[in-house]
Amino acid sequence: MLVHTVLFNLTPGMSDEQVAAFEKDLRTLATIDVAKACYIGKVAGTNKRPVVQTDWDYMLTVIVENVADHDIYQDHPTHHAFIANQKQFFGQVRVFDGE
């Protein structure tokens, strides 16, 4: 199993419509066939603690079987379309892959 987690910082000043379009496009990534599970969320309202990072806007976590499936996911047309449609709204992107 490989866990692919991406933290997105959106571009400041986005309209509500732009944020909604970003989230809608983000949800399309769950349709990629090698994605066994896909979770999307925003910063939780948990208590602030020094070890908790809250300096991001959206989190995507995709579970795939292995590195080969991760590579298929990365090169999938839906993934490329998401990047092409939304990259202007990525203020910062951080990726964490774990096995």
Protein backbone atom coordinates (compact mmCIF):
# COMPACT_ATOMS: atom_id res chain seq x y z
CA MET A 1 0.00 0.00 0.00
CA LEU A 2 1.17 3.51 -0.79
CA VAL A 3 -0.36 6.62 0.80
CA HIS A 4 -0.09 9.76 -1.33
CA THR A 5 -0.96 12.93 0.59
CA VAL A 6 -0.94 16.42 -0.90
CA LEU A 7 -1.38 19.67 1.02
CA PHE A 8 -2.59 22.60 -1.06
CA ASN A 9 -2.25 26.26 -0.17
CA LEU A 10 -4.63 28.13 -2.42
CA THR A 11 -3.84 31.46 -3.99
CA PRO A 12 -4.98 34.30 -1.72
CA GLY A 13 -8.04 36.23 -2.89
CA MET A 14 -9.80 33.39 -4.70
CA SER A 15 -13.54 33.86 -5.08
CA ASP A 16 -16.02 31.41 -3.56
CA GLU A 17 -16.75 30.18 -7.09
CA GLN A 18 -13.05 29.54 -7.78
CA VAL A 19 -12.66 27.62 -4.51
CA ALA A 20 -15.76 25.56 -5.32
CA ALA A 21 -14.38 24.77 -8.78
CA PHE A 22 -11.04 23.77 -7.24
CA GLU A 23 -12.77 21.40 -4.83
CA LYS A 24 -14.98 19.96 -7.58
CA ASP A 25 -11.92 19.26 -9.77
CA LEU A 26 -10.05 17.85 -6.77
CA ARG A 27 -12.86 15.33 -6.27
CA THR A 28 -12.41 14.03 -9.82
CA LEU A 29 -9.12 12.46 -8.71
CA ALA A 30 -11.13 9.87 -6.76
CA THR A 31 -12.40 8.50 -10.09
CA ILE A 32 -8.96 7.32 -11.19
CA ASP A 33 -9.26 3.55 -11.25
CA VAL A 34 -6.05 2.72 -9.34
CA ALA A 35 -7.18 4.90 -6.40
CA LYS A 36 -8.42 2.41 -3.80
CA ALA A 37 -9.54 5.24 -1.51
CA CYS A 38 -9.50 9.02 -1.72
CA TYR A 39 -10.02 11.50 1.10
CA ILE A 40 -10.36 15.26 0.73
CA GLY A 41 -10.56 17.72 3.58
CA LYS A 42 -9.86 21.13 4.99
CA VAL A 43 -8.04 22.07 8.18
CA ALA A 44 -9.88 20.52 11.12
CA GLY A 45 -11.08 22.61 14.03
CA THR A 46 -9.03 20.66 16.55
CA ASN A 47 -7.23 22.37 19.41
CA LYS A 48 -4.10 24.24 18.43
CA ARG A 49 -0.93 22.42 19.49
CA PRO A 50 2.70 23.10 18.55
CA VAL A 51 2.94 19.84 16.56
CA VAL A 52 -0.19 20.44 14.43
CA GLN A 53 0.33 22.20 11.13
CA THR A 54 -2.61 24.27 9.94
CA ASP A 55 -0.90 26.34 7.26
CA TRP A 56 -2.73 24.74 4.33
CA ASP A 57 -6.21 24.93 2.77
CA TYR A 58 -7.01 21.49 1.28
CA MET A 59 -5.64 18.01 1.86
CA LEU A 60 -5.89 15.15 -0.59
CA THR A 61 -5.01 11.61 0.46
CA VAL A 62 -5.07 8.85 -2.14
CA ILE A 63 -4.43 5.19 -1.32
CA VAL A 64 -2.99 3.00 -4.10
CA GLU A 65 -1.67 -0.56 -4.02
CA ASN A 66 1.98 0.12 -4.88
CA VAL A 67 4.48 2.43 -6.57
CA ALA A 68 3.47 1.18 -10.03
CA ASP A 69 -0.15 2.23 -9.36
CA HIS A 70 1.08 5.55 -8.00
CA ASP A 71 2.89 6.12 -11.29
CA ILE A 72 -0.27 5.24 -13.24
CA TYR A 73 -2.22 7.71 -11.05
CA GLN A 74 0.35 10.46 -11.68
CA ASP A 75 0.18 9.99 -15.46
CA HIS A 76 -3.61 9.54 -15.67
CA PRO A 77 -5.48 12.02 -17.94
CA THR A 78 -7.77 13.01 -15.04
CA HIS A 79 -4.73 13.94 -12.94
CA HIS A 80 -3.23 15.94 -15.81
CA ALA A 81 -6.58 17.70 -16.37
CA PHE A 82 -6.80 18.64 -12.68
CA ILE A 83 -3.33 20.18 -12.79
CA ALA A 84 -3.99 22.01 -16.06
CA ASN A 85 -7.31 23.40 -14.83
CA GLN A 86 -6.24 24.37 -11.32
CA LYS A 87 -2.48 25.03 -11.23
CA GLN A 88 -3.02 28.79 -11.27
CA PHE A 89 -4.66 28.40 -7.85
CA PHE A 90 -1.82 26.45 -6.21
CA GLY A 91 -0.06 28.88 -3.91
CA GLN A 92 2.05 26.03 -2.55
CA VAL A 93 1.83 22.26 -2.88
CA ARG A 94 3.47 19.78 -0.50
CA VAL A 95 3.50 16.05 -1.27
CA PHE A 96 4.06 13.22 1.20
CA ASP A 97 4.31 9.63 -0.10
CA GLY A 98 4.56 6.76 2.35
CA GLU A 99 4.62 2.98 2.13
